[in-house]
Structures are given as C-alpha cells and as structure tokens.
C-alpha cells in the first residue's frame, strides 16, 4: 500500500521508497564514519605506543653499547697484560746482563 505524503495526506507519496533508501544510505555513511573514527583513534594510539617503545629500546641499546665498550676495553687491557709482562722481563734481563758484563769487566780490572 502506498504511503501518504507528509505535505498532503490526501495524495500518495511517490518518493517514499526513495526516502527510505536515502535514510538507509545516510545511516550506513554515519556508521562508516564512526568506524573510521574508531580506527583512527586506535591507530594513532598504537602509533604513539610504538614511538614510545622505540624510544625506550633506543635508550636500552645505548646503555648496552656503553657497557659493551667497557667490556671490550677491559678485555683489551687483559690481553695487553702478558705483552707488558714480557716487555718488562726483557728489559730487566737486558739490565741484568749488562750489569753482569760490567761486573765481569770490573772484576778483571781489579775493582
């Protein structure tokens, strides 16, 4: 049964179906906008969380780099110790040999 017009109840309304379709389209558009708005809010909140997490990770990585630098420095110092010990022993043995030679020469001379 055709619907009655809002302006003139005595006449039948020809655009009632169009009006229902338009109302449906507007309703669909409004729900779509609501969904898009919710998506944008969730996306930007997640993006802010990601930025904050990346900043924390960068700080941790910098801290780890500093600690690794200290470990490498300590390791290099430990590896250099035997070389220094050998250098020290060589230097001391050189002076001992020199003192022995001087002592032998001085003993021959009679001092």
N, C-alpha and C. Protein backbone atom coordinates (compact mmCIF):
# COMPACT_ATOMS: atom_id res chain seq x y z
N UNK A 1 0.84 -1.17 0.00
CA UNK A 1 0.00 0.00 0.00
C UNK A 1 0.89 1.24 0.00
N UNK A 2 0.65 2.14 -0.92
CA UNK A 2 1.48 3.35 -0.98
C UNK A 2 1.26 4.22 0.25
N UNK A 3 2.35 4.87 0.63
CA UNK A 3 2.30 5.72 1.82
C UNK A 3 1.72 7.08 1.46
N UNK A 4 1.20 7.74 2.50
CA UNK A 4 0.61 9.06 2.29
C UNK A 4 1.73 10.10 2.41
N UNK A 5 1.61 11.15 1.66
CA UNK A 5 2.60 12.24 1.67
C UNK A 5 2.49 13.02 2.96
N UNK A 6 3.61 13.53 3.41
CA UNK A 6 3.63 14.31 4.65
C UNK A 6 3.03 15.69 4.42
N UNK A 7 3.20 16.24 3.22
CA UNK A 7 2.68 17.57 2.94
C UNK A 7 1.17 17.55 2.67
N UNK A 8 0.73 16.56 1.95
CA UNK A 8 -0.69 16.46 1.62
C UNK A 8 -1.15 15.02 1.85
N UNK A 9 -1.80 14.74 2.99
CA UNK A 9 -2.19 13.36 3.32
C UNK A 9 -3.20 12.76 2.35
N UNK A 10 -3.83 13.56 1.54
CA UNK A 10 -4.82 13.02 0.61
C UNK A 10 -4.15 12.36 -0.59
N UNK A 11 -2.90 12.71 -0.87
CA UNK A 11 -2.21 12.14 -2.02
C UNK A 11 -1.23 11.06 -1.58
N UNK A 12 -0.95 10.17 -2.50
CA UNK A 12 0.04 9.13 -2.21
C UNK A 12 1.44 9.68 -2.49
N UNK A 13 2.37 9.22 -1.73
CA UNK A 13 3.74 9.72 -1.86
C UNK A 13 4.51 8.82 -2.81
N UNK A 14 5.03 9.36 -3.86
CA UNK A 14 5.77 8.58 -4.83
C UNK A 14 7.23 8.39 -4.40
N UNK A 15 7.74 9.27 -3.58
CA UNK A 15 9.16 9.21 -3.23
C UNK A 15 9.41 8.55 -1.88
N UNK A 16 8.45 7.82 -1.34
CA UNK A 16 8.61 7.18 -0.04
C UNK A 16 9.72 6.13 -0.09
N UNK A 17 9.76 5.35 -1.15
CA UNK A 17 10.81 4.33 -1.23
C UNK A 17 12.17 4.98 -1.39
N UNK A 18 12.21 6.05 -2.15
CA UNK A 18 13.48 6.77 -2.30
C UNK A 18 13.93 7.35 -0.96
N UNK A 19 13.00 7.86 -0.22
CA UNK A 19 13.32 8.43 1.09
C UNK A 19 13.86 7.36 2.03
N UNK A 20 13.27 6.18 2.00
CA UNK A 20 13.74 5.07 2.83
C UNK A 20 15.14 4.67 2.41
N UNK A 21 15.38 4.60 1.11
CA UNK A 21 16.71 4.26 0.62
C UNK A 21 17.75 5.31 1.01
N UNK A 22 17.36 6.58 0.90
CA UNK A 22 18.27 7.66 1.29
C UNK A 22 18.57 7.60 2.79
N UNK A 23 17.56 7.33 3.58
CA UNK A 23 17.78 7.22 5.02
C UNK A 23 18.74 6.07 5.33
N UNK A 24 18.58 4.98 4.61
CA UNK A 24 19.47 3.82 4.80
C UNK A 24 20.90 4.19 4.42
N UNK A 25 21.06 4.90 3.30
CA UNK A 25 22.40 5.31 2.86
C UNK A 25 23.04 6.25 3.86
N UNK A 26 22.26 7.20 4.38
CA UNK A 26 22.80 8.14 5.37
C UNK A 26 23.20 7.39 6.64
N UNK A 27 22.38 6.45 7.03
CA UNK A 27 22.69 5.64 8.23
C UNK A 27 23.98 4.84 8.01
N UNK A 28 24.11 4.26 6.82
CA UNK A 28 25.32 3.50 6.51
C UNK A 28 26.56 4.41 6.51
N UNK A 29 26.41 5.60 5.96
CA UNK A 29 27.52 6.55 5.96
C UNK A 29 27.92 6.96 7.38
N UNK A 30 26.93 7.17 8.22
CA UNK A 30 27.24 7.55 9.60
C UNK A 30 27.93 6.42 10.35
N UNK A 31 27.49 5.19 10.15
CA UNK A 31 28.17 4.07 10.82
C UNK A 31 29.58 3.89 10.27
N UNK A 32 29.75 4.12 8.97
CA UNK A 32 31.09 4.03 8.37
C UNK A 32 32.01 5.09 8.96
N UNK A 33 31.50 6.30 9.12
CA UNK A 33 32.31 7.37 9.71
C UNK A 33 32.66 7.05 11.16
N UNK A 34 31.74 6.47 11.87
CA UNK A 34 32.00 6.09 13.26
C UNK A 34 33.09 5.03 13.33
N UNK A 35 33.00 4.05 12.45
CA UNK A 35 34.04 3.00 12.40
C UNK A 35 35.39 3.58 12.03
N UNK A 36 35.42 4.49 11.04
CA UNK A 36 36.68 5.11 10.63
C UNK A 36 37.27 5.93 11.76
N UNK A 37 36.44 6.64 12.48
CA UNK A 37 36.92 7.44 13.60
C UNK A 37 37.52 6.55 14.69
N UNK A 38 36.84 5.44 14.98
CA UNK A 38 37.37 4.49 15.98
C UNK A 38 38.69 3.89 15.50
N UNK A 39 38.78 3.57 14.21
CA UNK A 39 40.02 3.04 13.66
C UNK A 39 41.15 4.05 13.78
N UNK A 40 40.87 5.31 13.42
CA UNK A 40 41.90 6.35 13.51
C UNK A 40 42.39 6.51 14.93
N UNK A 41 41.48 6.54 15.88
CA UNK A 41 41.88 6.68 17.28
C UNK A 41 42.76 5.51 17.72
N UNK A 42 42.36 4.29 17.36
CA UNK A 42 43.14 3.11 17.73
C UNK A 42 44.50 3.12 17.04
N UNK A 43 44.52 3.53 15.77
CA UNK A 43 45.77 3.57 15.01
C UNK A 43 46.75 4.56 15.62
N UNK A 44 46.27 5.77 15.91
CA UNK A 44 47.17 6.79 16.45
C UNK A 44 47.62 6.45 17.87
N UNK A 45 46.76 5.82 18.65
CA UNK A 45 47.17 5.39 19.99
C UNK A 45 48.25 4.32 19.89
N UNK A 46 48.07 3.37 18.98
CA UNK A 46 49.08 2.32 18.78
C UNK A 46 50.38 2.92 18.26
N UNK A 47 50.27 3.89 17.39
CA UNK A 47 51.46 4.56 16.84
C UNK A 47 52.23 5.29 17.93
N UNK A 48 51.53 5.98 18.81
CA UNK A 48 52.19 6.66 19.93
C UNK A 48 52.87 5.65 20.84
N UNK A 49 52.20 4.52 21.11
CA UNK A 49 52.82 3.47 21.93
C UNK A 49 54.07 2.92 21.26
N UNK A 50 54.02 2.74 19.95
CA UNK A 50 55.18 2.23 19.21
C UNK A 50 56.34 3.22 19.28
N UNK A 51 56.05 4.51 19.14
CA UNK A 51 57.10 5.53 19.22
C UNK A 51 57.73 5.53 20.60
N UNK A 52 56.90 5.43 21.62
CA UNK A 52 57.42 5.39 22.99
C UNK A 52 58.26 4.14 23.22
N UNK A 53 57.80 3.00 22.72
CA UNK A 53 58.54 1.75 22.88
C UNK A 53 59.88 1.83 22.15
N UNK A 54 59.90 2.42 20.95
CA UNK A 54 61.15 2.57 20.20
C UNK A 54 62.13 3.48 20.94
N UNK A 55 61.63 4.53 21.57
CA UNK A 55 62.50 5.41 22.35
C UNK A 55 63.11 4.65 23.52
N UNK A 56 62.31 3.83 24.19
CA UNK A 56 62.84 3.03 25.30
C UNK A 56 63.88 2.04 24.80
N UNK A 57 63.61 1.40 23.66
CA UNK A 57 64.57 0.45 23.11
C UNK A 57 65.87 1.15 22.71
N UNK A 58 65.76 2.35 22.14
CA UNK A 58 66.97 3.10 21.79
C UNK A 58 67.80 3.41 23.02
N UNK A 59 67.13 3.78 24.10
CA UNK A 59 67.85 4.07 25.35
C UNK A 59 68.54 2.81 25.87
N UNK A 60 67.85 1.67 25.80
CA UNK A 60 68.45 0.41 26.24
C UNK A 60 69.64 0.03 25.37
N UNK A 61 69.51 0.23 24.08
CA UNK A 61 70.60 -0.11 23.16
C UNK A 61 71.80 0.78 23.43
N UNK A 62 71.58 2.07 23.67
CA UNK A 62 72.68 2.97 24.01
C UNK A 62 73.37 2.52 25.29
N UNK A 63 72.59 2.12 26.28
CA UNK A 63 73.16 1.64 27.54
C UNK A 63 73.97 0.37 27.30
N UNK A 64 73.44 -0.52 26.48
CA UNK A 64 74.16 -1.76 26.18
C UNK A 64 75.46 -1.46 25.42
N UNK A 65 75.42 -0.49 24.51
CA UNK A 65 76.63 -0.12 23.78
C UNK A 65 77.71 0.39 24.73
N UNK A 66 77.31 1.21 25.69
CA UNK A 66 78.28 1.72 26.67
C UNK A 66 78.89 0.57 27.46
N UNK A 67 78.06 -0.37 27.89
CA UNK A 67 78.56 -1.50 28.66
C UNK A 67 79.47 -2.38 27.80
N UNK A 68 79.11 -2.58 26.55
CA UNK A 68 79.96 -3.36 25.67
C UNK A 68 81.31 -2.68 25.43
N UNK A 69 81.30 -1.36 25.32
CA UNK A 69 82.55 -0.63 25.18
C UNK A 69 83.44 -0.85 26.38
N UNK A 70 82.85 -0.85 27.57
CA UNK A 70 83.63 -1.10 28.79
C UNK A 70 84.19 -2.51 28.79
N UNK A 71 83.38 -3.49 28.37
CA UNK A 71 83.84 -4.88 28.34
C UNK A 71 84.98 -5.03 27.34
N UNK A 72 84.86 -4.42 26.18
CA UNK A 72 85.92 -4.51 25.17
C UNK A 72 87.19 -3.85 25.69
N UNK A 73 87.05 -2.70 26.33
CA UNK A 73 88.22 -2.01 26.90
C UNK A 73 88.90 -2.89 27.95
N UNK A 74 88.12 -3.51 28.82
CA UNK A 74 88.68 -4.40 29.85
C UNK A 74 89.37 -5.60 29.20
N UNK A 75 88.73 -6.19 28.19
CA UNK A 75 89.30 -7.34 27.51
C UNK A 75 90.62 -6.98 26.83
N UNK A 76 90.67 -5.84 26.18
CA UNK A 76 91.92 -5.41 25.55
C UNK A 76 93.01 -5.18 26.58
N UNK A 77 92.64 -4.63 27.73
CA UNK A 77 93.62 -4.43 28.79
C UNK A 77 94.13 -5.76 29.31
N UNK A 78 93.24 -6.74 29.45
CA UNK A 78 93.67 -8.06 29.92
C UNK A 78 94.56 -8.76 28.89
N UNK A 79 94.27 -8.58 27.64
CA UNK A 79 95.09 -9.19 26.60
C UNK A 79 96.45 -8.51 26.50
N UNK A 80 96.52 -7.23 26.83
CA UNK A 80 97.78 -6.49 26.74
C UNK A 80 98.69 -6.78 27.93
N UNK A 81 98.17 -7.31 29.02
CA UNK A 81 98.97 -7.57 30.22
C UNK A 81 100.14 -8.53 29.94
N UNK A 82 99.96 -9.67 29.31
CA UNK A 82 101.10 -10.55 29.06
C UNK A 82 102.18 -9.89 28.20
N UNK A 83 101.77 -9.10 27.23
CA UNK A 83 102.76 -8.40 26.41
C UNK A 83 103.57 -7.43 27.27
N UNK A 84 102.91 -6.72 28.16
CA UNK A 84 103.62 -5.80 29.03
C UNK A 84 104.56 -6.56 29.97
N UNK A 85 104.10 -7.72 30.42
CA UNK A 85 104.93 -8.53 31.31
C UNK A 85 106.18 -9.00 30.58
N UNK A 86 106.00 -9.47 29.35
CA UNK A 86 107.16 -9.91 28.57
C UNK A 86 108.11 -8.75 28.30
N UNK A 87 107.56 -7.60 27.95
CA UNK A 87 108.41 -6.43 27.71
C UNK A 87 109.19 -6.08 28.97
N UNK A 88 108.54 -6.14 30.11
CA UNK A 88 109.19 -5.83 31.38
C UNK A 88 110.30 -6.84 31.68
N UNK A 89 110.02 -8.14 31.44
CA UNK A 89 111.03 -9.17 31.67
C UNK A 89 112.23 -9.00 30.74
N UNK A 90 111.97 -8.68 29.49
CA UNK A 90 113.06 -8.45 28.54
C UNK A 90 113.92 -7.28 28.98
N UNK A 91 113.27 -6.21 29.40
CA UNK A 91 114.02 -5.03 29.85
C UNK A 91 114.86 -5.36 31.08
N UNK A 92 114.28 -6.06 32.04
CA UNK A 92 115.02 -6.42 33.25
C UNK A 92 116.17 -7.37 32.94
N UNK A 93 115.95 -8.35 32.06
CA UNK A 93 117.03 -9.27 31.71
C UNK A 93 118.15 -8.54 30.99
N UNK A 94 117.81 -7.56 30.15
CA UNK A 94 118.84 -6.76 29.49
C UNK A 94 119.70 -6.05 30.52
N UNK A 95 119.06 -5.41 31.51
CA UNK A 95 119.84 -4.71 32.54
C UNK A 95 120.65 -5.68 33.38
N UNK A 96 120.15 -6.87 33.65
CA UNK A 96 120.90 -7.86 34.42
C UNK A 96 122.14 -8.33 33.65
N UNK A 97 121.97 -8.59 32.35
CA UNK A 97 123.11 -9.00 31.53
C UNK A 97 124.13 -7.88 31.46
N UNK A 98 123.69 -6.68 31.29
CA UNK A 98 124.60 -5.53 31.24
C UNK A 98 125.34 -5.38 32.57
N UNK A 99 124.64 -5.54 33.69
CA UNK A 99 125.29 -5.44 34.99
C UNK A 99 126.29 -6.57 35.18
N UNK A 100 125.96 -7.78 34.70
CA UNK A 100 126.88 -8.90 34.83
C UNK A 100 128.13 -8.68 33.99
N UNK A 101 127.97 -8.18 32.79
CA UNK A 101 129.11 -7.89 31.92
C UNK A 101 129.98 -6.81 32.55
N UNK A 102 129.34 -5.74 33.05
CA UNK A 102 130.11 -4.67 33.72
C UNK A 102 130.81 -5.21 34.96
N UNK A 103 130.13 -6.06 35.71
CA UNK A 103 130.75 -6.67 36.89
C UNK A 103 131.93 -7.52 36.52
N UNK A 104 131.83 -8.31 35.44
CA UNK A 104 132.95 -9.16 35.00
C UNK A 104 134.10 -8.30 34.52
N UNK A 105 133.79 -7.24 33.78
CA UNK A 105 134.85 -6.36 33.30
C UNK A 105 135.54 -5.68 34.47
N UNK A 106 134.79 -5.20 35.41
CA UNK A 106 135.35 -4.54 36.60
C UNK A 106 136.12 -5.54 37.45
N UNK A 107 135.71 -6.80 37.50
CA UNK A 107 136.43 -7.81 38.27
C UNK A 107 137.75 -8.12 37.61
N UNK A 108 137.84 -8.12 36.29
CA UNK A 108 139.07 -8.38 35.59
C UNK A 108 140.04 -7.23 35.79
N UNK A 109 139.47 -6.05 35.82
CA UNK A 109 140.32 -4.88 36.01
C UNK A 109 140.83 -4.85 37.45
N UNK A 110 140.12 -5.39 38.35
CA UNK A 110 140.56 -5.45 39.71
C UNK A 110 139.83 -4.54 40.65
N UNK A 111 138.74 -4.07 40.27
CA UNK A 111 137.98 -3.21 41.18
C UNK A 111 137.05 -4.00 41.95
